[in-house]
Amino acid sequence: MARELVWFVSDVLRTERRRRGTRRGRRALTPYRQAVLVLRWFRDATPIHRLATDHRISVATAYRYLHEAITALAAHAPDLHQVLRERRATGDTHVILDGTLITCDRVAATTIKTKGRNRGATVHLWYSGKHRAFGGNIQFLATPDGFPLWVSAVLPGSRNDLSAARDLGVVGALTAAAGQGLKTLADKAYHAAGLGIRTPIKKAAGQPPLGPRQRVYNLLQSRARALGERAIALLKTRWRALHHISLCPHRIGAIVQAALVLTQHEHPGRY
């Protein structure tokens, strides 16, 4: 791992210790060694028990140091409204909105009862029927060329992308940005999300097939939007910890936000 990135994380941790009033010499690890522990977990998904053994600390202490670092890094994640203002200032014509499922271990969480056609059926809150896996729903924004700009807090995997974006306030912020000239491209999951969020044209039931101009529009929109997939791929391939979260699923949002901070620090010229 790059030494400069280790120093960045250690500076964040040192600042957090000062904020808490932690006295020097009261911790088992220095900020630098704690940063190495945290980056090994993010980069290689090294098991906690192995990290604890390598650093000669208990497993409980390793977990505590990891959660502390995740919270401190996530606090540096960019704000949605700030990101949209900066994108307008740089002259971008659009951003790309998409959602992803970060898988996690099955947890004994509250179940919910569905409505509509399957009314009364019991569904696990963190289970995604679309992906057939347990996990958390994360919304993210990307630049037109596919660099991650912003990631949201986590919602249970049973939530679809449109309802998640609405509940997180993403739709309202993007609609306001569209009124100032910054459009958003999204896939069919966000159909009818609101003004300024451009999605492919859907064929309504009982209607004739889409015409040539509509098909061309869908093709061009899909090609431009597909670059957004690179953003989450960049995060997941760089940080193996995002492949599958074994911590509490409620921490998924903070973990992805911390990974975003690390990625943007590694590519300062892109953001």
Protein backbone atom coordinates (compact mmCIF):
# COMPACT_ATOMS: atom_id res chain seq x y z
CA MET A 1 0.00 0.00 0.00
CA ALA A 2 1.21 3.56 -0.67
CA ARG A 3 3.03 5.09 2.28
CA GLU A 4 1.42 8.47 1.53
CA LEU A 5 -2.03 6.95 2.00
CA VAL A 6 -0.98 5.44 5.33
CA TRP A 7 0.20 8.86 6.49
CA PHE A 8 -3.12 10.40 5.41
CA VAL A 9 -5.13 7.89 7.44
CA SER A 10 -2.80 8.26 10.42
CA ASP A 11 -3.27 12.05 10.32
CA VAL A 12 -7.04 11.57 10.36
CA LEU A 13 -6.75 9.21 13.33
CA ARG A 14 -4.35 11.52 15.17
CA THR A 15 -6.83 14.38 14.76
CA GLU A 16 -9.62 12.16 16.06
CA ARG A 17 -7.56 11.25 19.13
CA ARG A 18 -6.89 14.91 19.85
CA ARG A 19 -10.59 15.66 19.53
CA ARG A 20 -11.38 12.96 22.05
CA GLY A 21 -8.63 14.12 24.39
CA THR A 22 -6.72 10.84 24.28
CA ARG A 23 -3.37 11.19 26.00
CA ARG A 24 -0.18 10.04 24.31
CA GLY A 25 0.94 6.53 25.22
CA ARG A 26 -2.54 5.40 26.33
CA ARG A 27 -3.21 3.34 23.19
CA ALA A 28 -1.86 -0.07 22.22
CA LEU A 29 -1.11 1.16 18.69
CA THR A 30 0.21 4.45 17.39
CA PRO A 31 -1.93 6.26 14.76
CA TYR A 32 0.46 5.02 12.06
CA ARG A 33 0.17 1.36 13.07
CA GLN A 34 -3.59 1.69 13.45
CA ALA A 35 -3.72 3.13 9.92
CA VAL A 36 -1.80 0.10 8.62
CA LEU A 37 -4.28 -2.22 10.35
CA VAL A 38 -7.27 -0.38 8.86
CA LEU A 39 -5.87 -0.25 5.32
CA ARG A 40 -5.02 -3.95 5.39
CA TRP A 41 -8.66 -4.64 6.23
CA PHE A 42 -9.95 -2.36 3.46
CA ARG A 43 -7.46 -3.37 0.80
CA ASP A 44 -7.19 -7.12 1.33
CA ALA A 45 -10.19 -7.89 3.59
CA THR A 46 -7.72 -9.42 6.07
CA PRO A 47 -9.65 -11.22 8.85
CA ILE A 48 -9.80 -9.34 12.14
CA HIS A 49 -8.28 -12.18 14.15
CA ARG A 50 -5.22 -12.18 11.87
CA LEU A 51 -4.87 -8.40 12.17
CA ALA A 52 -5.09 -8.71 15.94
CA THR A 53 -2.37 -11.37 15.97
CA ASP A 54 -0.05 -9.44 13.65
CA HIS A 55 -0.36 -6.27 15.73
CA ARG A 56 -0.27 -8.09 19.08
CA ILE A 57 -3.59 -6.79 20.33
CA SER A 58 -6.82 -8.48 21.30
CA VAL A 59 -9.59 -9.14 18.78
CA ALA A 60 -11.89 -6.77 20.69
CA THR A 61 -9.30 -3.99 20.47
CA ALA A 62 -8.82 -4.63 16.74
CA TYR A 63 -12.57 -4.29 16.17
CA ARG A 64 -12.64 -1.08 18.22
CA TYR A 65 -9.75 0.43 16.28
CA LEU A 66 -11.34 -0.53 12.97
CA HIS A 67 -14.73 0.99 13.81
CA GLU A 68 -13.04 4.13 15.11
CA ALA A 69 -11.16 4.59 11.84
CA ILE A 70 -14.24 3.89 9.71
CA THR A 71 -16.21 6.57 11.55
CA ALA A 72 -13.35 9.09 11.34
CA LEU A 73 -12.84 8.55 7.59
CA ALA A 74 -16.56 8.57 6.78
CA ALA A 75 -16.85 11.97 8.47
CA HIS A 76 -14.65 13.35 5.65
CA ALA A 77 -16.99 12.06 2.90
CA PRO A 78 -18.37 14.84 0.65
CA ASP A 79 -21.88 16.17 1.12
CA LEU A 80 -24.39 15.64 -1.69
CA HIS A 81 -25.29 19.32 -2.10
CA GLN A 82 -21.62 20.31 -2.01
CA VAL A 83 -20.83 17.79 -4.75
CA LEU A 84 -23.62 19.09 -6.98
CA ARG A 85 -22.48 22.71 -6.51
CA GLU A 86 -18.93 21.76 -7.46
CA ARG A 87 -20.08 19.84 -10.52
CA ARG A 88 -22.05 22.86 -11.72
CA ALA A 89 -19.05 25.11 -11.07
CA THR A 90 -16.76 22.88 -13.14
CA GLY A 91 -19.20 22.98 -16.06
CA ASP A 92 -20.34 19.35 -16.07
CA THR A 93 -23.48 18.76 -18.13
CA HIS A 94 -24.66 15.78 -16.10
CA VAL A 95 -23.93 13.27 -13.36
CA ILE A 96 -24.82 9.58 -13.21
CA LEU A 97 -27.03 8.09 -10.50
CA ASP A 98 -27.11 4.39 -9.72
CA GLY A 99 -27.51 1.97 -6.84
CA THR A 100 -25.69 -1.15 -5.76
CA LEU A 101 -26.04 -3.91 -3.20
CA ILE A 102 -23.17 -4.42 -0.76
CA THR A 103 -23.60 -7.99 0.44
CA CYS A 104 -23.28 -8.92 4.09
CA ASP A 105 -23.77 -11.83 6.46
CA ARG A 106 -27.31 -12.81 7.32
CA VAL A 107 -28.48 -11.06 10.49
CA ALA A 108 -31.39 -11.58 12.86
CA ALA A 109 -33.10 -8.36 11.83
CA THR A 110 -36.75 -7.40 11.79
CA THR A 111 -38.88 -8.95 9.08
CA ILE A 112 -41.51 -7.04 7.15
CA LYS A 113 -44.82 -7.95 5.51
CA THR A 114 -45.16 -7.17 1.84
CA LYS A 115 -48.00 -5.37 0.12
CA GLY A 116 -49.64 -5.67 -3.27
CA ARG A 117 -49.72 -9.00 -5.10
CA ASN A 118 -47.81 -10.85 -2.37
CA ARG A 119 -49.54 -9.09 0.47
CA GLY A 120 -48.94 -10.68 3.83
CA ALA A 121 -45.76 -12.52 2.86
CA THR A 122 -42.89 -12.20 5.30
CA VAL A 123 -39.61 -10.88 3.90
CA HIS A 124 -36.28 -10.40 5.65
CA LEU A 125 -35.50 -6.69 5.87
CA TRP A 126 -31.92 -7.04 4.60
CA TYR A 127 -32.68 -9.53 1.83
CA SER A 128 -32.68 -8.32 -1.77
CA GLY A 129 -35.05 -10.34 -3.94
CA LYS A 130 -33.46 -8.86 -7.08
CA HIS A 131 -29.95 -10.05 -6.18
CA ARG A 132 -31.07 -13.02 -4.06
CA ALA A 133 -28.61 -12.04 -1.37
CA PHE A 134 -28.46 -10.29 1.99
CA GLY A 135 -27.01 -6.81 1.94
CA GLY A 136 -27.51 -3.06 2.05
CA ASN A 137 -28.68 -0.68 -0.67
CA ILE A 138 -26.20 2.11 -1.46
CA GLN A 139 -26.91 5.00 -3.83
CA PHE A 140 -24.00 6.74 -5.55
CA LEU A 141 -23.22 9.54 -7.98
CA ALA A 142 -20.49 9.42 -10.62
CA THR A 143 -18.90 11.85 -13.05
CA PRO A 144 -19.69 11.49 -16.79
CA ASP A 145 -16.49 9.44 -17.18
CA GLY A 146 -17.27 7.12 -14.26
CA PHE A 147 -15.38 8.42 -11.21
CA PRO A 148 -17.21 8.13 -7.85
CA LEU A 149 -18.34 11.47 -6.43
CA TRP A 150 -20.69 10.65 -3.58
CA VAL A 151 -22.20 7.66 -1.80
CA SER A 152 -25.23 7.55 0.46
CA ALA A 153 -26.00 6.08 3.83
CA VAL A 154 -27.18 2.48 3.80
CA LEU A 155 -30.75 1.25 3.59
CA PRO A 156 -31.84 -2.40 3.88
CA GLY A 157 -31.42 -4.52 0.78
CA SER A 158 -35.16 -5.09 0.46
CA ARG A 159 -35.57 -1.45 -0.65
CA ASN A 160 -35.57 -0.75 -4.37
CA ASP A 161 -33.41 2.00 -5.85
CA LEU A 162 -36.21 4.52 -6.46
CA SER A 163 -37.66 4.40 -2.95
CA ALA A 164 -34.15 4.47 -1.47
CA ALA A 165 -33.22 7.55 -3.49
CA ARG A 166 -36.42 9.31 -2.44
CA ASP A 167 -36.06 8.50 1.25
CA LEU A 168 -32.40 9.60 1.28
CA GLY A 169 -33.28 12.97 -0.28
CA VAL A 170 -31.33 12.23 -3.45
CA VAL A 171 -34.24 12.81 -5.83
CA GLY A 172 -35.04 16.23 -4.37
CA ALA A 173 -31.41 17.38 -4.54
CA LEU A 174 -30.98 16.18 -8.13
CA THR A 175 -34.26 17.78 -9.21
CA ALA A 176 -33.09 21.10 -7.78
CA ALA A 177 -29.73 20.72 -9.54
CA ALA A 178 -31.51 19.99 -12.83
CA GLY A 179 -33.29 23.33 -12.54
CA GLN A 180 -29.84 24.95 -12.57
CA GLY A 181 -28.61 23.03 -15.61
CA LEU A 182 -27.08 19.87 -14.14
CA LYS A 183 -29.00 16.86 -15.42
CA THR A 184 -28.86 13.30 -14.10
CA LEU A 185 -28.73 10.06 -16.08
CA ALA A 186 -30.19 6.93 -14.47
CA ASP A 187 -31.46 3.49 -15.47
CA LYS A 188 -35.04 2.20 -15.65
CA ALA A 189 -35.15 1.60 -11.90
CA TYR A 190 -35.55 5.38 -11.45
CA HIS A 191 -38.37 5.80 -13.98
CA ALA A 192 -40.69 8.69 -13.02
CA ALA A 193 -38.27 9.81 -10.30
CA GLY A 194 -38.72 13.44 -11.21
CA LEU A 195 -37.85 16.29 -13.53
CA GLY A 196 -34.21 16.34 -14.56
CA ILE A 197 -33.52 12.65 -13.92
CA ARG A 198 -33.31 11.20 -17.41
CA THR A 199 -34.17 7.50 -17.76
CA PRO A 200 -34.73 5.25 -20.81
CA ILE A 201 -38.15 5.38 -22.42
CA LYS A 202 -40.23 2.42 -21.32
CA LYS A 203 -42.76 0.68 -23.50
CA ALA A 204 -46.15 0.82 -21.80
CA ALA A 205 -48.33 -2.29 -21.71
CA GLY A 206 -50.68 -2.47 -24.67
CA GLN A 207 -48.79 0.22 -26.59
CA PRO A 208 -47.00 -0.30 -29.93
CA PRO A 209 -43.24 -0.92 -29.96
CA LEU A 210 -40.90 2.03 -29.54
CA GLY A 211 -40.17 4.00 -32.69
CA PRO A 212 -36.70 4.47 -34.25
CA ARG A 213 -36.09 7.82 -32.57
CA GLN A 214 -37.04 6.43 -29.17
CA ARG A 215 -34.76 3.42 -29.62
CA VAL A 216 -31.88 5.67 -30.64
CA TYR A 217 -32.49 7.84 -27.57
CA ASN A 218 -32.43 4.76 -25.33
CA LEU A 219 -29.21 3.55 -26.96
CA LEU A 220 -27.41 6.87 -26.51
CA GLN A 221 -28.70 7.29 -22.96
CA SER A 222 -27.62 3.77 -22.01
CA ARG A 223 -24.13 4.22 -23.45
CA ALA A 224 -23.59 7.47 -21.56
CA ARG A 225 -25.04 6.09 -18.33
CA ALA A 226 -23.11 2.82 -18.49
CA LEU A 227 -19.92 4.67 -17.61
CA GLY A 228 -21.36 5.14 -14.13
CA GLU A 229 -20.89 1.43 -13.49
CA ARG A 230 -17.16 2.10 -13.49
CA ALA A 231 -17.51 4.15 -10.29
CA ILE A 232 -18.71 1.34 -8.05
CA ALA A 233 -16.41 -1.12 -9.85
CA LEU A 234 -13.48 1.16 -8.98
CA LEU A 235 -14.44 1.09 -5.30
CA LYS A 236 -15.07 -2.66 -5.14
CA THR A 237 -11.95 -3.71 -7.02
CA ARG A 238 -9.67 -1.36 -5.08
CA TRP A 239 -11.08 -2.24 -1.65
CA ARG A 240 -11.82 -5.95 -1.24
CA ALA A 241 -13.61 -5.35 2.05
CA LEU A 242 -16.59 -4.11 -0.02
CA HIS A 243 -17.04 -7.52 -1.64
CA HIS A 244 -18.76 -8.85 1.47
CA ILE A 245 -19.26 -7.12 4.81
CA SER A 246 -19.00 -9.25 7.92
CA LEU A 247 -19.59 -6.34 10.30
CA CYS A 248 -23.01 -5.00 11.34
CA PRO A 249 -25.00 -4.18 8.16
CA HIS A 250 -25.87 -0.77 9.59
CA ARG A 251 -22.16 0.09 9.19
CA ILE A 252 -22.17 -0.55 5.43
CA GLY A 253 -22.86 3.10 4.61
CA ALA A 254 -19.96 4.37 6.72
CA ILE A 255 -17.65 1.69 5.30
CA VAL A 256 -18.41 2.65 1.68
CA GLN A 257 -18.08 6.35 2.52
CA ALA A 258 -14.68 5.68 4.09
CA ALA A 259 -13.64 3.76 0.95
CA LEU A 260 -14.77 6.74 -1.15
CA VAL A 261 -12.58 9.10 0.91
CA LEU A 262 -9.59 6.80 0.43
CA THR A 263 -10.22 6.54 -3.32
CA GLN A 264 -10.59 10.29 -3.82
CA HIS A 265 -7.40 10.86 -1.83
CA GLU A 266 -5.55 8.46 -4.15
CA HIS A 267 -6.85 10.34 -7.22
CA PRO A 268 -6.73 14.02 -6.20
CA GLY A 269 -6.60 15.21 -9.79
CA ARG A 270 -9.84 13.47 -10.71
CA TYR A 271 -12.09 15.01 -8.09
